Amino acid sequence: MSKIVVTGATGHIGNVLVKALIEKGEAVIVIILPNEDMTPLDDLKLDVRYGDITDRDFVFSVIEEGDTVYHLAGVIDIANIPYEKIKKVNVGGTKNIVDACIEKKAKRLIYTSSVHIIDPVEGKVLTEPSTFDSSNLVGNYAKTKALATGYIMEKAKSGELDAVVVYPSGVIGPCDYKISELGQVILDYMNEKLFAYVKGGYNFVDVRDVVNGIILAGEKGESGEGYILSGRYVTLKEMLTILNKKLKRKKLPYKIALWFVKLMVPFANLYYKVRNKKPVFSAYSLYTLNSNSNFSNQKAKEKLGYTVRNVEETLFDTVDWFRENKPELVIKKVK
C-alpha cells in the first residue's frame, strides 16, 4: 500500500504539513532524528521512524514503491555552523532521499527548497531559477540548498525521477514550536524586549499558505518544475505597527542605524547563545532584510491555484498561538 513519507516533520513547515495531510485522511510516516522533541506532533496518529537522512541504508529501508515523499529536513545556517556539517545534511541527505526514490520507484518527490537560492539581483522581479550555481550565493544554507535542488532537477529532467520543487519565502505564522528567528522577534516584541529596529523588510508568507502550496504542488505540479511560494513584502516597521494593533500599543521602538547593528551582531550572538535563544538579528538576516525580495508567485497561482492571506491575519494568529501554546515564554501579559 502506497503511503506518504515526510522528513523534517517537527519543523515549522513540517508539523503544519503533517497535520494537513492527516486531516486529508492520508497515512503518514515521519522520519525523526533519535531523541528529537516530538511536541509539535503530539496526539497525531503517525508511523514514526527514528533515524537520520544522512544514513543511506536507513533512508532506503523507509521509502518503498509508490510512496509520495515530502522532503523538508535540512540545517538552517544562522549560527556559523561548519559548511561540511550543513552540506552533509542538506546535500548528502537529499541525495540519499532522491536515490532511494529512484531505486524504490517512489510515486513522487516534493522538495522544499528556498528562495535564498535565487540570486537577489536588485531592481528585478525574481522568478523560479533555471540554473543552480551556488558560487554567487551568500551563506552556507543557500549554497547547499542550491546544490541539493540542482541534483533533484537533474534527475527529474532526465526522467529518472518524478519530482517538483517549491521555494518558500520568509515563513512566519503559528505552530512555531522551535521558535524561528522571526518568531523570536515577535516574542521579544510581545514581551517589550525589542527596543529598536532597523531599516529593511522581506517577502513574508504564512506557513499555512506554504503548506497549502506544497500539497498543491504534489497534486498539480509538473515534474521537473519549481514554484515560488511567496507572500508580500513587509517592512519591519510595518510588521511592528501591525503587532501594535494586536497588542493595543501606540509607540514603536527606536529605529537605529544599520551599521551600528552590524557592529553589535557578534556581541548579540554571544548573549543569545548564553541564554540558549535564537538571535533576534544575525549578520545573514540583516543582509537578507536589505536585499531584493521581490519574489513573484504568479506561476504558483496560475498553475497550482496557490493563494495567500493577509499578513495582518498571520501576525494576529501568531500572537494568539504563542499566548496559547508557549505561555511560559510570554512574560508580558495582556493588559
C-alpha atoms as a PDB file:
ATOM      1  CA  MET A   1       0.000   0.000   0.000  1.00  0.00           C
ATOM      2  CA  SER A   2       1.432   3.374  -1.014  1.00  0.00           C
ATOM      3  CA  LYS A   3       1.935   5.927   1.727  1.00  0.00           C
ATOM      4  CA  ILE A   4       3.273   9.387   2.419  1.00  0.00           C
ATOM      5  CA  VAL A   5       6.729   9.924   3.905  1.00  0.00           C
ATOM      6  CA  VAL A   6       7.665  13.273   5.461  1.00  0.00           C
ATOM      7  CA  THR A   7      11.139  14.383   6.538  1.00  0.00           C
ATOM      8  CA  GLY A   8      11.650  17.443   8.737  1.00  0.00           C
ATOM      9  CA  ALA A   9       8.226  16.785  10.265  1.00  0.00           C
ATOM     10  CA  THR A  10       8.839  18.628  13.554  1.00  0.00           C
ATOM     11  CA  GLY A  11       9.940  21.848  11.830  1.00  0.00           C
ATOM     12  CA  HIS A  12       7.734  24.890  11.347  1.00  0.00           C
ATOM     13  CA  ILE A  13       6.535  23.942   7.865  1.00  0.00           C
ATOM     14  CA  GLY A  14       6.817  20.227   8.582  1.00  0.00           C
ATOM     15  CA  ASN A  15       4.461  19.982  11.545  1.00  0.00           C
ATOM     16  CA  VAL A  16       1.796  22.068   9.788  1.00  0.00           C
ATOM     17  CA  LEU A  17       2.155  19.898   6.674  1.00  0.00           C
ATOM     18  CA  VAL A  18       1.797  16.645   8.622  1.00  0.00           C
ATOM     19  CA  LYS A  19      -1.377  17.915  10.309  1.00  0.00           C
ATOM     20  CA  ALA A  20      -2.826  18.995   6.957  1.00  0.00           C
ATOM     21  CA  LEU A  21      -2.087  15.611   5.385  1.00  0.00           C
ATOM     22  CA  ILE A  22      -3.686  13.753   8.289  1.00  0.00           C
ATOM     23  CA  GLU A  23      -6.771  15.987   8.025  1.00  0.00           C
ATOM     24  CA  LYS A  24      -6.998  14.855   4.387  1.00  0.00           C
ATOM     25  CA  GLY A  25      -7.111  11.255   5.618  1.00  0.00           C
ATOM     26  CA  GLU A  26      -3.593  10.307   4.496  1.00  0.00           C
ATOM     27  CA  ALA A  27      -1.469   7.631   6.165  1.00  0.00           C
ATOM     28  CA  VAL A  28       1.757   9.399   7.114  1.00  0.00           C
ATOM     29  CA  ILE A  29       5.213   8.111   8.022  1.00  0.00           C
ATOM     30  CA  VAL A  30       7.558  10.677   9.571  1.00  0.00           C
ATOM     31  CA  ILE A  31      11.335  10.387   9.688  1.00  0.00           C
ATOM     32  CA  ILE A  32      12.519  11.744  13.029  1.00  0.00           C
ATOM     33  CA  LEU A  33      16.009  12.087  14.489  1.00  0.00           C
ATOM     34  CA  PRO A  34      16.569   9.952  17.609  1.00  0.00           C
ATOM     35  CA  ASN A  35      15.788  11.895  20.824  1.00  0.00           C
ATOM     36  CA  GLU A  36      14.075  14.672  18.859  1.00  0.00           C
ATOM     37  CA  ASP A  37      11.341  16.620  20.666  1.00  0.00           C
ATOM     38  CA  MET A  38       8.021  15.314  19.352  1.00  0.00           C
ATOM     39  CA  THR A  39       5.884  18.054  20.929  1.00  0.00           C
ATOM     40  CA  PRO A  40       4.894  19.564  17.533  1.00  0.00           C
ATOM     41  CA  LEU A  41       3.348  16.210  16.581  1.00  0.00           C
ATOM     42  CA  ASP A  42       1.665  15.347  19.901  1.00  0.00           C
ATOM     43  CA  ASP A  43      -1.551  13.332  19.734  1.00  0.00           C
ATOM     44  CA  LEU A  44      -1.259  12.651  15.996  1.00  0.00           C
ATOM     45  CA  LYS A  45      -1.767   9.212  14.510  1.00  0.00           C
ATOM     46  CA  LEU A  46       1.604   8.612  12.871  1.00  0.00           C
ATOM     47  CA  ASP A  47       4.058   5.914  11.924  1.00  0.00           C
ATOM     48  CA  VAL A  48       7.327   7.251  13.354  1.00  0.00           C
ATOM     49  CA  ARG A  49      10.664   6.008  12.011  1.00  0.00           C
ATOM     50  CA  TYR A  50      13.648   7.149  14.050  1.00  0.00           C
ATOM     51  CA  GLY A  51      16.803   7.692  12.035  1.00  0.00           C
ATOM     52  CA  ASP A  52      18.969  10.140  10.108  1.00  0.00           C
ATOM     53  CA  ILE A  53      18.612  11.050   6.424  1.00  0.00           C
ATOM     54  CA  THR A  54      22.412  11.026   6.157  1.00  0.00           C
ATOM     55  CA  ASP A  55      22.232   7.268   6.868  1.00  0.00           C
ATOM     56  CA  ARG A  56      21.736   5.875   3.366  1.00  0.00           C
ATOM     57  CA  ASP A  57      20.711   2.374   4.479  1.00  0.00           C
ATOM     58  CA  PHE A  58      18.098   3.800   6.831  1.00  0.00           C
ATOM     59  CA  VAL A  59      16.575   6.005   4.122  1.00  0.00           C
ATOM     60  CA  PHE A  60      16.409   3.083   1.697  1.00  0.00           C
ATOM     61  CA  SER A  61      14.666   0.991   4.375  1.00  0.00           C
ATOM     62  CA  VAL A  62      11.849   3.536   4.783  1.00  0.00           C
ATOM     63  CA  ILE A  63      10.956   4.562   1.227  1.00  0.00           C
ATOM     64  CA  GLU A  64       9.028   1.990  -0.793  1.00  0.00           C
ATOM     65  CA  GLU A  65       7.470   1.646  -4.231  1.00  0.00           C
ATOM     66  CA  GLY A  66       4.574   4.014  -4.859  1.00  0.00           C
ATOM     67  CA  ASP A  67       5.357   6.324  -1.934  1.00  0.00           C
ATOM     68  CA  THR A  68       4.909  10.081  -2.084  1.00  0.00           C
ATOM     69  CA  VAL A  69       7.808  11.765  -0.310  1.00  0.00           C
ATOM     70  CA  TYR A  70       7.769  15.289   1.100  1.00  0.00           C
ATOM     71  CA  HIS A  71      11.374  16.201   1.855  1.00  0.00           C
ATOM     72  CA  LEU A  72      11.737  19.174   4.203  1.00  0.00           C
ATOM     73  CA  ALA A  73      14.591  18.155   6.520  1.00  0.00           C
ATOM     74  CA  GLY A  74      17.623  20.416   6.481  1.00  0.00           C
ATOM     75  CA  VAL A  75      20.018  22.527   8.506  1.00  0.00           C
ATOM     76  CA  ILE A  76      19.351  26.274   8.500  1.00  0.00           C
ATOM     77  CA  ASP A  77      22.616  28.177   8.965  1.00  0.00           C
ATOM     78  CA  ILE A  78      22.087  31.128  11.297  1.00  0.00           C
ATOM     79  CA  ALA A  79      24.892  30.469  13.764  1.00  0.00           C
ATOM     80  CA  ASN A  80      28.029  29.836  11.712  1.00  0.00           C
ATOM     81  CA  ILE A  81      27.607  26.070  11.557  1.00  0.00           C
ATOM     82  CA  PRO A  82      30.556  24.491   9.663  1.00  0.00           C
ATOM     83  CA  TYR A  83      29.892  24.164   5.939  1.00  0.00           C
ATOM     84  CA  GLU A  84      30.662  20.440   5.812  1.00  0.00           C
ATOM     85  CA  LYS A  85      28.106  19.708   8.538  1.00  0.00           C
ATOM     86  CA  ILE A  86      25.424  21.635   6.670  1.00  0.00           C
ATOM     87  CA  LYS A  87      26.392  20.044   3.361  1.00  0.00           C
ATOM     88  CA  LYS A  88      26.232  16.542   4.855  1.00  0.00           C
ATOM     89  CA  VAL A  89      22.560  17.012   5.691  1.00  0.00           C
ATOM     90  CA  ASN A  90      21.301  19.422   3.037  1.00  0.00           C
ATOM     91  CA  VAL A  91      23.137  17.850   0.099  1.00  0.00           C
ATOM     92  CA  GLY A  92      24.153  14.358   1.208  1.00  0.00           C
ATOM     93  CA  GLY A  93      20.854  13.654   2.949  1.00  0.00           C
ATOM     94  CA  THR A  94      18.891  14.921  -0.039  1.00  0.00           C
ATOM     95  CA  LYS A  95      20.890  12.719  -2.413  1.00  0.00           C
ATOM     96  CA  ASN A  96      20.013   9.730  -0.237  1.00  0.00           C
ATOM     97  CA  ILE A  97      16.311  10.620  -0.451  1.00  0.00           C
ATOM     98  CA  VAL A  98      16.491  11.129  -4.232  1.00  0.00           C
ATOM     99  CA  ASP A  99      18.440   7.937  -4.883  1.00  0.00           C
ATOM    100  CA  ALA A 100      16.039   5.912  -2.730  1.00  0.00           C
ATOM    101  CA  CYS A 101      13.047   7.395  -4.586  1.00  0.00           C
ATOM    102  CA  ILE A 102      14.598   6.386  -7.907  1.00  0.00           C
ATOM    103  CA  GLU A 103      15.662   2.879  -6.912  1.00  0.00           C
ATOM    104  CA  LYS A 104      12.477   2.079  -4.972  1.00  0.00           C
ATOM    105  CA  LYS A 105      10.247   3.654  -7.667  1.00  0.00           C
ATOM    106  CA  ALA A 106       8.544   6.200  -5.469  1.00  0.00           C
ATOM    107  CA  LYS A 107       5.482   7.872  -6.948  1.00  0.00           C
ATOM    108  CA  ARG A 108       6.638  11.485  -6.461  1.00  0.00           C
ATOM    109  CA  LEU A 109       9.115  13.609  -4.518  1.00  0.00           C
ATOM    110  CA  ILE A 110       8.108  17.113  -3.385  1.00  0.00           C
ATOM    111  CA  TYR A 111      11.165  19.038  -2.211  1.00  0.00           C
ATOM    112  CA  THR A 112      11.045  22.211  -0.141  1.00  0.00           C
ATOM    113  CA  SER A 113      13.949  24.326  -1.323  1.00  0.00           C
ATOM    114  CA  SER A 114      14.211  28.075  -0.587  1.00  0.00           C
ATOM    115  CA  VAL A 115      14.069  31.442  -2.329  1.00  0.00           C
ATOM    116  CA  HIS A 116      17.534  32.008  -0.876  1.00  0.00           C
ATOM    117  CA  ILE A 117      18.967  30.030  -3.806  1.00  0.00           C
ATOM    118  CA  ILE A 118      17.720  32.754  -6.174  1.00  0.00           C
ATOM    119  CA  ASP A 119      20.289  35.485  -6.834  1.00  0.00           C
ATOM    120  CA  PRO A 120      18.603  38.656  -5.427  1.00  0.00           C
ATOM    121  CA  VAL A 121      19.520  40.948  -8.320  1.00  0.00           C
ATOM    122  CA  GLU A 122      18.474  44.480  -7.399  1.00  0.00           C
ATOM    123  CA  GLY A 123      15.591  46.049  -9.303  1.00  0.00           C
ATOM    124  CA  LYS A 124      14.438  42.760 -10.790  1.00  0.00           C
ATOM    125  CA  VAL A 125      11.274  40.696 -10.344  1.00  0.00           C
ATOM    126  CA  LEU A 126      12.614  37.366  -9.075  1.00  0.00           C
ATOM    127  CA  THR A 127      11.191  34.198 -10.611  1.00  0.00           C
ATOM    128  CA  GLU A 128      11.918  30.474 -10.397  1.00  0.00           C
ATOM    129  CA  PRO A 129      15.582  29.656 -11.141  1.00  0.00           C
ATOM    130  CA  SER A 130      16.611  27.668 -14.198  1.00  0.00           C
ATOM    131  CA  THR A 131      20.224  27.125 -13.094  1.00  0.00           C
ATOM    132  CA  PHE A 132      21.603  26.219  -9.691  1.00  0.00           C
ATOM    133  CA  ASP A 133      25.077  27.728  -9.478  1.00  0.00           C
ATOM    134  CA  SER A 134      25.900  28.260  -5.800  1.00  0.00           C
ATOM    135  CA  SER A 135      29.083  30.315  -6.289  1.00  0.00           C
ATOM    136  CA  ASN A 136      27.380  33.746  -6.187  1.00  0.00           C
ATOM    137  CA  LEU A 137      25.072  32.964  -3.288  1.00  0.00           C
ATOM    138  CA  VAL A 138      25.565  34.310   0.234  1.00  0.00           C
ATOM    139  CA  GLY A 139      25.578  31.851   3.140  1.00  0.00           C
ATOM    140  CA  ASN A 140      26.150  28.128   3.509  1.00  0.00           C
ATOM    141  CA  TYR A 141      22.432  27.420   3.745  1.00  0.00           C
ATOM    142  CA  ALA A 142      21.736  28.967   0.343  1.00  0.00           C
ATOM    143  CA  LYS A 143      24.753  27.289  -1.251  1.00  0.00           C
ATOM    144  CA  THR A 144      23.839  23.805  -0.016  1.00  0.00           C
ATOM    145  CA  LYS A 145      20.156  24.166  -0.863  1.00  0.00           C
ATOM    146  CA  ALA A 146      21.136  25.195  -4.399  1.00  0.00           C
ATOM    147  CA  LEU A 147      23.311  22.096  -4.798  1.00  0.00           C
ATOM    148  CA  ALA A 148      20.540  19.844  -3.491  1.00  0.00           C
ATOM    149  CA  THR A 149      17.913  21.465  -5.716  1.00  0.00           C
ATOM    150  CA  GLY A 150      20.166  21.132  -8.745  1.00  0.00           C
ATOM    151  CA  TYR A 151      20.596  17.409  -8.088  1.00  0.00           C
ATOM    152  CA  ILE A 152      16.834  16.880  -7.887  1.00  0.00           C
ATOM    153  CA  MET A 153      16.153  18.879 -11.037  1.00  0.00           C
ATOM    154  CA  GLU A 154      18.847  16.985 -12.924  1.00  0.00           C
ATOM    155  CA  LYS A 155      17.204  13.656 -12.072  1.00  0.00           C
ATOM    156  CA  ALA A 156      13.715  14.977 -12.821  1.00  0.00           C
ATOM    157  CA  LYS A 157      14.677  16.481 -16.189  1.00  0.00           C
ATOM    158  CA  SER A 158      16.331  13.203 -17.211  1.00  0.00           C
ATOM    159  CA  GLY A 159      13.125  11.318 -16.493  1.00  0.00           C
ATOM    160  CA  GLU A 160      14.664   9.200 -13.726  1.00  0.00           C
ATOM    161  CA  LEU A 161      12.540  10.835 -11.034  1.00  0.00           C
ATOM    162  CA  ASP A 162       9.089  12.399 -10.747  1.00  0.00           C
ATOM    163  CA  ALA A 163       9.797  15.471  -8.633  1.00  0.00           C
ATOM    164  CA  VAL A 164       8.622  19.022  -8.071  1.00  0.00           C
ATOM    165  CA  VAL A 165      10.333  21.769  -6.080  1.00  0.00           C
ATOM    166  CA  VAL A 166       8.841  24.623  -4.064  1.00  0.00           C
ATOM    167  CA  TYR A 167      10.625  27.800  -2.987  1.00  0.00           C
ATOM    168  CA  PRO A 168       9.043  29.409   0.103  1.00  0.00           C
ATOM    169  CA  SER A 169       9.996  32.971   1.003  1.00  0.00           C
ATOM    170  CA  GLY A 170      10.293  34.136   4.645  1.00  0.00           C
ATOM    171  CA  VAL A 171       7.975  31.833   6.575  1.00  0.00           C
ATOM    172  CA  ILE A 172       6.045  33.212   9.555  1.00  0.00           C
ATOM    173  CA  GLY A 173       2.906  32.154  11.371  1.00  0.00           C
ATOM    174  CA  PRO A 174       1.534  29.914  14.121  1.00  0.00           C
ATOM    175  CA  CYS A 175       2.796  26.458  15.129  1.00  0.00           C
ATOM    176  CA  ASP A 176       6.344  27.857  15.501  1.00  0.00           C
ATOM    177  CA  TYR A 177       7.348  25.331  18.167  1.00  0.00           C
ATOM    178  CA  LYS A 178      11.103  25.630  17.718  1.00  0.00           C
ATOM    179  CA  ILE A 179      10.932  29.452  17.675  1.00  0.00           C
ATOM    180  CA  SER A 180      12.253  30.665  14.340  1.00  0.00           C
ATOM    181  CA  GLU A 181      14.328  33.812  14.016  1.00  0.00           C
ATOM    182  CA  LEU A 182      11.250  35.883  13.151  1.00  0.00           C
ATOM    183  CA  GLY A 183       9.294  34.072  15.833  1.00  0.00           C
ATOM    184  CA  GLN A 184      11.876  35.251  18.363  1.00  0.00           C
ATOM    185  CA  VAL A 185      11.476  38.826  17.094  1.00  0.00           C
ATOM    186  CA  ILE A 186       7.701  38.605  17.616  1.00  0.00           C
ATOM    187  CA  LEU A 187       8.099  37.058  21.073  1.00  0.00           C
ATOM    188  CA  ASP A 188      10.600  39.704  22.153  1.00  0.00           C
ATOM    189  CA  TYR A 189       8.281  42.417  20.923  1.00  0.00           C
ATOM    190  CA  MET A 190       5.329  40.881  22.756  1.00  0.00           C
ATOM    191  CA  ASN A 191       7.457  40.908  25.921  1.00  0.00           C
ATOM    192  CA  GLU A 192       8.587  44.513  25.341  1.00  0.00           C
ATOM    193  CA  LYS A 193      12.186  43.349  24.961  1.00  0.00           C
ATOM    194  CA  LEU A 194      12.702  44.652  21.441  1.00  0.00           C
ATOM    195  CA  PHE A 195      13.918  48.178  21.995  1.00  0.00           C
ATOM    196  CA  ALA A 196      14.918  49.060  18.442  1.00  0.00           C
ATOM    197  CA  TYR A 197      14.512  48.060  14.819  1.00  0.00           C
ATOM    198  CA  VAL A 198      16.424  48.659  11.604  1.00  0.00           C
ATOM    199  CA  LYS A 199      15.598  49.665   8.073  1.00  0.00           C
ATOM    200  CA  GLY A 200      14.554  46.825   5.830  1.00  0.00           C
ATOM    201  CA  GLY A 201      11.947  44.173   5.247  1.00  0.00           C
ATOM    202  CA  TYR A 202      11.323  40.958   3.369  1.00  0.00           C
ATOM    203  CA  ASN A 203       8.777  38.943   1.458  1.00  0.00           C
ATOM    204  CA  PHE A 204       6.966  37.069   4.226  1.00  0.00           C
ATOM    205  CA  VAL A 205       4.458  34.258   3.787  1.00  0.00           C
ATOM    206  CA  ASP A 206       2.128  32.414   6.161  1.00  0.00           C
ATOM    207  CA  VAL A 207       3.237  28.869   6.995  1.00  0.00           C
ATOM    208  CA  ARG A 208      -0.310  27.632   6.322  1.00  0.00           C
ATOM    209  CA  ASP A 209      -0.252  29.102   2.811  1.00  0.00           C
ATOM    210  CA  VAL A 210       3.126  27.459   2.183  1.00  0.00           C
ATOM    211  CA  VAL A 211       1.753  24.084   3.275  1.00  0.00           C
ATOM    212  CA  ASN A 212      -1.255  24.504   1.010  1.00  0.00           C
ATOM    213  CA  GLY A 213       1.141  25.326  -1.830  1.00  0.00           C
ATOM    214  CA  ILE A 214       3.274  22.272  -1.106  1.00  0.00           C
ATOM    215  CA  ILE A 215       0.245  19.982  -1.222  1.00  0.00           C
ATOM    216  CA  LEU A 216      -0.967  21.634  -4.434  1.00  0.00           C
ATOM    217  CA  ALA A 217       2.488  21.164  -5.958  1.00  0.00           C
ATOM    218  CA  GLY A 218       2.310  17.484  -5.100  1.00  0.00           C
ATOM    219  CA  GLU A 219      -1.114  17.175  -6.709  1.00  0.00           C
ATOM    220  CA  LYS A 220      -0.835  19.501  -9.713  1.00  0.00           C
ATOM    221  CA  GLY A 221       2.829  20.356 -10.209  1.00  0.00           C
ATOM    222  CA  GLU A 222       4.685  19.260 -13.332  1.00  0.00           C
ATOM    223  CA  SER A 223       7.721  17.048 -12.794  1.00  0.00           C
ATOM    224  CA  GLY A 224      10.949  18.983 -13.215  1.00  0.00           C
ATOM    225  CA  GLU A 225       9.279  22.301 -12.407  1.00  0.00           C
ATOM    226  CA  GLY A 226       9.621  24.643  -9.441  1.00  0.00           C
ATOM    227  CA  TYR A 227       7.136  27.027  -7.850  1.00  0.00           C
ATOM    228  CA  ILE A 228       7.813  30.084  -5.689  1.00  0.00           C
ATOM    229  CA  LEU A 229       5.544  30.162  -2.634  1.00  0.00           C
ATOM    230  CA  SER A 230       5.851  33.786  -1.564  1.00  0.00           C
ATOM    231  CA  GLY A 231       3.584  36.289   0.162  1.00  0.00           C
ATOM    232  CA  ARG A 232       4.254  40.016   0.017  1.00  0.00           C
ATOM    233  CA  TYR A 233       6.955  42.475   1.033  1.00  0.00           C
ATOM    234  CA  VAL A 234       6.585  43.739   4.606  1.00  0.00           C
ATOM    235  CA  THR A 235       8.958  46.208   6.258  1.00  0.00           C
ATOM    236  CA  LEU A 236       9.971  45.666   9.875  1.00  0.00           C
ATOM    237  CA  LYS A 237       8.259  48.948  10.711  1.00  0.00           C
ATOM    238  CA  GLU A 238       5.009  47.746   9.122  1.00  0.00           C
ATOM    239  CA  MET A 239       5.274  44.421  10.956  1.00  0.00           C
ATOM    240  CA  LEU A 240       5.685  46.162  14.322  1.00  0.00           C
ATOM    241  CA  THR A 241       2.837  48.564  13.524  1.00  0.00           C
ATOM    242  CA  ILE A 242       0.525  45.600  12.853  1.00  0.00           C
ATOM    243  CA  LEU A 243       1.666  43.944  16.090  1.00  0.00           C
ATOM    244  CA  ASN A 244       0.944  47.175  17.955  1.00  0.00           C
ATOM    245  CA  LYS A 245      -2.645  46.958  16.738  1.00  0.00           C
ATOM    246  CA  LYS A 246      -2.939  43.445  18.138  1.00  0.00           C
ATOM    247  CA  LEU A 247      -1.099  44.271  21.380  1.00  0.00           C
ATOM    248  CA  LYS A 248      -3.007  47.550  21.867  1.00  0.00           C
ATOM    249  CA  ARG A 249       0.131  49.685  21.850  1.00  0.00           C
ATOM    250  CA  LYS A 250       0.829  53.013  20.189  1.00  0.00           C
ATOM    251  CA  LYS A 251       4.575  53.607  20.239  1.00  0.00           C
ATOM    252  CA  LEU A 252       7.175  51.913  18.052  1.00  0.00           C
ATOM    253  CA  PRO A 253      10.720  51.118  19.220  1.00  0.00           C
ATOM    254  CA  TYR A 254      13.580  53.370  18.156  1.00  0.00           C
ATOM    255  CA  LYS A 255      14.934  52.991  14.641  1.00  0.00           C
ATOM    256  CA  ILE A 256      18.716  52.621  14.713  1.00  0.00           C
ATOM    257  CA  ALA A 257      21.399  52.739  12.032  1.00  0.00           C
ATOM    258  CA  LEU A 258      22.134  49.506  10.206  1.00  0.00           C
ATOM    259  CA  TRP A 259      25.914  49.982  10.554  1.00  0.00           C
ATOM    260  CA  PHE A 260      25.587  50.087  14.338  1.00  0.00           C
ATOM    261  CA  VAL A 261      23.543  46.874  14.472  1.00  0.00           C
ATOM    262  CA  LYS A 262      26.066  45.090  12.245  1.00  0.00           C
ATOM    263  CA  LEU A 263      28.811  46.213  14.622  1.00  0.00           C
ATOM    264  CA  MET A 264      26.922  44.765  17.587  1.00  0.00           C
ATOM    265  CA  VAL A 265      25.936  41.427  15.998  1.00  0.00           C
ATOM    266  CA  PRO A 266      28.915  39.398  17.382  1.00  0.00           C
ATOM    267  CA  PHE A 267      28.137  40.547  20.930  1.00  0.00           C
ATOM    268  CA  ALA A 268      24.424  39.925  20.490  1.00  0.00           C
ATOM    269  CA  ASN A 269      25.073  36.413  19.181  1.00  0.00           C
ATOM    270  CA  LEU A 270      27.138  35.643  22.281  1.00  0.00           C
ATOM    271  CA  TYR A 271      24.347  36.975  24.511  1.00  0.00           C
ATOM    272  CA  TYR A 272      21.703  34.796  22.857  1.00  0.00           C
ATOM    273  CA  LYS A 273      23.994  31.761  22.872  1.00  0.00           C
ATOM    274  CA  VAL A 274      24.479  32.078  26.639  1.00  0.00           C
ATOM    275  CA  ARG A 275      20.696  32.390  27.081  1.00  0.00           C
ATOM    276  CA  ASN A 276      20.093  29.478  24.669  1.00  0.00           C
ATOM    277  CA  LYS A 277      17.810  31.573  22.447  1.00  0.00           C
ATOM    278  CA  LYS A 278      17.686  32.352  18.742  1.00  0.00           C
ATOM    279  CA  PRO A 279      19.399  35.668  17.935  1.00  0.00           C
ATOM    280  CA  VAL A 280      16.944  38.418  17.045  1.00  0.00           C
ATOM    281  CA  PHE A 281      19.168  39.590  14.196  1.00  0.00           C
ATOM    282  CA  SER A 282      22.135  37.742  12.722  1.00  0.00           C
ATOM    283  CA  ALA A 283      24.585  39.033  10.112  1.00  0.00           C
ATOM    284  CA  TYR A 284      22.783  36.934   7.500  1.00  0.00           C
ATOM    285  CA  SER A 285      19.324  38.153   8.483  1.00  0.00           C
ATOM    286  CA  LEU A 286      20.489  41.777   8.279  1.00  0.00           C
ATOM    287  CA  TYR A 287      21.817  41.092   4.783  1.00  0.00           C
ATOM    288  CA  THR A 288      18.537  39.405   3.841  1.00  0.00           C
ATOM    289  CA  LEU A 289      16.346  42.203   5.198  1.00  0.00           C
ATOM    290  CA  ASN A 290      18.133  44.676   2.945  1.00  0.00           C
ATOM    291  CA  SER A 291      18.306  42.588  -0.241  1.00  0.00           C
ATOM    292  CA  ASN A 292      15.803  42.331  -3.092  1.00  0.00           C
ATOM    293  CA  SER A 293      12.911  40.039  -2.140  1.00  0.00           C
ATOM    294  CA  ASN A 294      10.516  40.839  -4.969  1.00  0.00           C
ATOM    295  CA  PHE A 295       9.622  37.185  -5.497  1.00  0.00           C
ATOM    296  CA  SER A 296       6.841  36.506  -7.983  1.00  0.00           C
ATOM    297  CA  ASN A 297       4.336  33.790  -7.040  1.00  0.00           C
ATOM    298  CA  GLN A 298       2.458  34.197 -10.326  1.00  0.00           C
ATOM    299  CA  LYS A 299       3.447  30.758 -11.614  1.00  0.00           C
ATOM    300  CA  ALA A 300       2.178  29.028  -8.468  1.00  0.00           C
ATOM    301  CA  LYS A 301      -1.076  30.978  -8.635  1.00  0.00           C
ATOM    302  CA  GLU A 302      -1.663  30.183 -12.309  1.00  0.00           C
ATOM    303  CA  LYS A 303      -0.506  26.556 -12.372  1.00  0.00           C
ATOM    304  CA  LEU A 304      -1.418  25.365  -8.876  1.00  0.00           C
ATOM    305  CA  GLY A 305      -4.197  27.646  -7.658  1.00  0.00           C
ATOM    306  CA  TYR A 306      -1.954  28.956  -4.866  1.00  0.00           C
ATOM    307  CA  THR A 307      -3.379  31.720  -2.655  1.00  0.00           C
ATOM    308  CA  VAL A 308      -2.052  33.885   0.190  1.00  0.00           C
ATOM    309  CA  ARG A 309      -3.777  35.509   3.137  1.00  0.00           C
ATOM    310  CA  ASN A 310      -3.417  38.975   4.619  1.00  0.00           C
ATOM    311  CA  VAL A 311      -0.248  39.472   6.678  1.00  0.00           C
ATOM    312  CA  GLU A 312      -2.327  41.029   9.483  1.00  0.00           C
ATOM    313  CA  GLU A 313      -4.187  37.729   9.911  1.00  0.00           C
ATOM    314  CA  THR A 314      -0.863  35.879  10.036  1.00  0.00           C
ATOM    315  CA  LEU A 315       0.652  38.134  12.702  1.00  0.00           C
ATOM    316  CA  PHE A 316      -2.517  38.224  14.812  1.00  0.00           C
ATOM    317  CA  ASP A 317      -2.753  34.411  14.717  1.00  0.00           C
ATOM    318  CA  THR A 318       0.934  34.102  15.625  1.00  0.00           C
ATOM    319  CA  VAL A 319       0.497  36.236  18.736  1.00  0.00           C
ATOM    320  CA  ASP A 320      -2.547  34.189  19.760  1.00  0.00           C
ATOM    321  CA  TRP A 321      -0.672  30.939  19.159  1.00  0.00           C
ATOM    322  CA  PHE A 322       2.284  31.994  21.325  1.00  0.00           C
ATOM    323  CA  ARG A 323      -0.081  33.036  24.111  1.00  0.00           C
ATOM    324  CA  GLU A 324      -1.947  29.733  23.999  1.00  0.00           C
ATOM    325  CA  ASN A 325       0.897  27.289  23.320  1.00  0.00           C
ATOM    326  CA  LYS A 326       4.022  28.958  24.757  1.00  0.00           C
ATOM    327  CA  PRO A 327       2.651  30.787  27.822  1.00  0.00           C
ATOM    328  CA  GLU A 328       5.927  30.255  29.676  1.00  0.00           C
ATOM    329  CA  LEU A 329       7.670  32.419  27.054  1.00  0.00           C
ATOM    330  CA  VAL A 330       5.073  35.171  27.035  1.00  0.00           C
ATOM    331  CA  ILE A 331       6.259  37.109  30.079  1.00  0.00           C
ATOM    332  CA  LYS A 332       4.387  40.313  29.283  1.00  0.00           C
ATOM    333  CA  LYS A 333       0.736  39.544  29.956  1.00  0.00           C
ATOM    334  CA  VAL A 334      -2.221  41.071  28.151  1.00  0.00           C
ATOM    335  CA  LYS A 335      -3.314  44.325  29.710  1.00  0.00           C
END
